[in-house]
Amino acid sequence: MSPHVTLREVIDSDLPDFFRHTSDLESNRMAAFTSKDPTDRASFDAHWARIRASDAVIRTVLADDVVVGHAAVYGPPEEREVTYFIDRAYWGRGIATAALRALLAVVPERPLFAHAAADNAGSVRVLEKCGFTATGTDRGFANARGAEIDELVLTLTG
């Protein structure tokens, strides 16, 4: 049975959960494009202070009222991008797809972009289920892998 997924505004008490989620080494390896040191709490806190003060639309993802991740739209108007991070313990349950669909309903502007490690089939599938299509490729340095890797650029136009 799939959990009930909802989004809400980020509150201070969500941050320890986010830190735990984003400190997981396997999650970081899969996401690839992460902070240089995901276990650096001071850097994490500074990052979240910046994004919470920005014009990013960021939401806490809840599954059956448990904080399981976050999802956001950020960047300049002509380059708005989506991102999400779900606790690895909750992967494979449709939570990322449900959360991204809910976020897209809150942010009607288009186009929106996404970048995903080319070998991150789960994330690419989430984006495709939500209407994104692959529109390009790129290479970038992936902190979590310590190397340049291929990435897909995906776009949502409608």
Protein backbone atom coordinates (compact mmCIF):
# COMPACT_ATOMS: atom_id res chain seq x y z
CA MET A 1 0.00 0.00 0.00
CA SER A 2 1.39 3.38 -1.02
CA PRO A 3 1.82 6.00 1.69
CA HIS A 4 -0.19 9.21 1.68
CA VAL A 5 2.20 11.90 0.40
CA THR A 6 1.77 15.58 1.21
CA LEU A 7 3.88 18.72 1.03
CA ARG A 8 4.10 21.56 3.51
CA GLU A 9 6.24 24.60 4.17
CA VAL A 10 9.66 23.81 5.64
CA ILE A 11 9.92 24.39 9.38
CA ASP A 12 13.04 24.50 11.54
CA SER A 13 12.38 21.07 13.07
CA ASP A 14 12.60 19.51 9.56
CA LEU A 15 16.27 20.38 9.19
CA PRO A 16 17.70 17.57 11.38
CA ASP A 17 15.75 15.08 9.27
CA PHE A 18 16.99 16.68 6.04
CA PHE A 19 20.55 16.54 7.35
CA ARG A 20 20.19 12.85 8.17
CA HIS A 21 18.72 12.13 4.72
CA THR A 22 21.39 14.03 2.82
CA SER A 23 24.25 12.62 4.92
CA ASP A 24 23.54 9.06 3.76
CA LEU A 25 26.48 7.95 1.60
CA GLU A 26 24.49 5.63 -0.69
CA SER A 27 21.88 8.33 -1.32
CA ASN A 28 24.65 10.77 -2.16
CA ARG A 29 26.34 8.31 -4.51
CA MET A 30 23.09 7.87 -6.39
CA ALA A 31 22.27 11.58 -6.48
CA ALA A 32 25.91 12.27 -7.46
CA PHE A 33 25.70 16.06 -7.58
CA THR A 34 25.82 16.85 -3.89
CA SER A 35 27.75 19.05 -1.49
CA LYS A 36 31.48 18.42 -1.12
CA ASP A 37 31.04 17.09 2.41
CA PRO A 38 27.46 16.06 3.18
CA THR A 39 28.40 15.38 6.82
CA ASP A 40 29.48 19.01 7.44
CA ARG A 41 26.61 20.35 9.55
CA ALA A 42 27.83 23.98 9.46
CA SER A 43 27.89 23.92 5.66
CA PHE A 44 24.46 22.27 5.61
CA ASP A 45 23.02 24.93 7.94
CA ALA A 46 24.52 27.77 5.85
CA HIS A 47 23.12 26.23 2.65
CA TRP A 48 19.63 25.92 4.13
CA ALA A 49 19.73 29.47 5.50
CA ARG A 50 20.54 30.72 1.98
CA ILE A 51 17.84 28.75 0.20
CA ARG A 52 15.18 29.52 2.80
CA ALA A 53 15.96 33.23 2.33
CA SER A 54 15.82 32.96 -1.47
CA ASP A 55 12.83 32.92 -3.82
CA ALA A 56 13.02 29.11 -4.08
CA VAL A 57 9.75 27.25 -3.62
CA ILE A 58 10.78 24.55 -1.17
CA ARG A 59 8.57 22.05 0.56
CA THR A 60 8.93 19.30 3.12
CA VAL A 61 7.77 15.91 1.82
CA LEU A 62 5.67 13.91 4.27
CA ALA A 63 4.66 10.27 3.84
CA ASP A 64 1.91 9.32 6.26
CA ASP A 65 2.87 12.42 8.26
CA VAL A 66 6.55 11.41 8.57
CA VAL A 67 9.23 13.78 7.19
CA VAL A 68 10.85 11.79 4.37
CA GLY A 69 12.48 14.48 2.25
CA HIS A 70 12.19 17.78 0.49
CA ALA A 71 11.41 19.10 -2.98
CA ALA A 72 12.07 22.50 -4.51
CA VAL A 73 11.99 24.74 -7.54
CA TYR A 74 14.79 27.30 -7.66
CA GLY A 75 16.86 29.50 -9.94
CA PRO A 76 16.34 32.48 -12.22
CA PRO A 77 13.01 32.62 -14.11
CA GLU A 78 14.47 31.48 -17.45
CA GLU A 79 16.31 28.56 -15.83
CA ARG A 80 13.99 27.35 -13.03
CA GLU A 81 15.00 23.87 -11.94
CA VAL A 82 13.42 21.17 -9.81
CA THR A 83 15.21 19.13 -7.20
CA TYR A 84 14.14 16.59 -4.61
CA PHE A 85 15.76 14.33 -2.05
CA ILE A 86 13.94 11.42 -0.44
CA ASP A 87 15.22 9.36 2.50
CA ARG A 88 16.65 6.12 1.09
CA ALA A 89 14.48 4.08 3.49
CA TYR A 90 11.48 5.30 1.46
CA TRP A 91 12.77 4.72 -2.09
CA GLY A 92 10.67 2.62 -4.44
CA ARG A 93 7.28 3.53 -2.94
CA GLY A 94 6.22 6.25 -5.39
CA ILE A 95 6.91 9.02 -2.89
CA ALA A 96 9.27 11.04 -5.08
CA THR A 97 6.81 10.92 -7.98
CA ALA A 98 3.87 11.97 -5.80
CA ALA A 99 5.92 14.75 -4.18
CA LEU A 100 7.15 16.12 -7.50
CA ARG A 101 3.63 16.06 -8.97
CA ALA A 102 2.36 17.98 -5.93
CA LEU A 103 5.18 20.51 -6.24
CA LEU A 104 4.50 21.01 -9.94
CA ALA A 105 0.88 21.82 -9.07
CA VAL A 106 2.12 24.57 -6.73
CA VAL A 107 4.54 26.02 -9.31
CA PRO A 108 2.65 26.51 -12.60
CA GLU A 109 5.46 28.31 -14.48
CA ARG A 110 7.04 26.51 -17.41
CA PRO A 111 9.47 25.54 -18.69
CA LEU A 112 11.13 23.84 -15.75
CA PHE A 113 14.39 21.94 -15.94
CA ALA A 114 15.99 19.04 -14.11
CA HIS A 115 19.41 17.45 -14.12
CA ALA A 116 20.01 13.84 -13.15
CA ALA A 117 22.98 11.54 -13.20
CA ALA A 118 22.52 9.55 -16.41
CA ASP A 119 22.83 6.27 -14.49
CA ASN A 120 20.25 7.27 -11.86
CA ALA A 121 17.40 5.37 -13.50
CA GLY A 122 15.05 5.88 -10.55
CA SER A 123 15.30 9.65 -10.62
CA VAL A 124 15.06 9.80 -14.41
CA ARG A 125 11.90 7.66 -14.23
CA VAL A 126 10.36 9.96 -11.58
CA LEU A 127 10.98 12.96 -13.82
CA GLU A 128 9.56 11.20 -16.88
CA LYS A 129 6.41 10.14 -14.97
CA CYS A 130 5.91 13.81 -14.12
CA GLY A 131 6.11 14.87 -17.77
CA PHE A 132 9.78 15.81 -18.14
CA THR A 133 11.55 14.72 -21.31
CA ALA A 134 15.25 14.35 -21.96
CA THR A 135 16.40 17.36 -23.97
CA GLY A 136 20.15 17.12 -23.66
CA THR A 137 23.19 15.72 -21.99
CA ASP A 138 26.07 17.23 -20.08
CA ARG A 139 29.08 16.20 -18.05
CA GLY A 140 29.77 17.52 -14.62
CA PHE A 141 31.86 16.86 -11.57
CA ALA A 142 29.92 14.73 -9.10
CA ASN A 143 31.18 15.39 -5.57
CA ALA A 144 29.66 12.16 -4.27
CA ARG A 145 31.57 10.12 -6.82
CA GLY A 146 34.77 12.17 -7.02
CA ALA A 147 34.66 12.20 -10.82
CA GLU A 148 33.06 13.75 -13.87
CA ILE A 149 29.98 11.83 -14.92
CA ASP A 150 27.32 12.00 -17.60
CA GLU A 151 24.08 13.72 -16.74
CA LEU A 152 20.75 14.14 -18.46
CA VAL A 153 19.05 17.48 -18.87
CA LEU A 154 15.28 17.14 -18.76
CA THR A 155 12.62 19.74 -19.50
CA LEU A 156 8.96 20.14 -18.61
CA THR A 157 7.19 22.42 -21.07
CA GLY A 158 3.50 21.86 -20.46
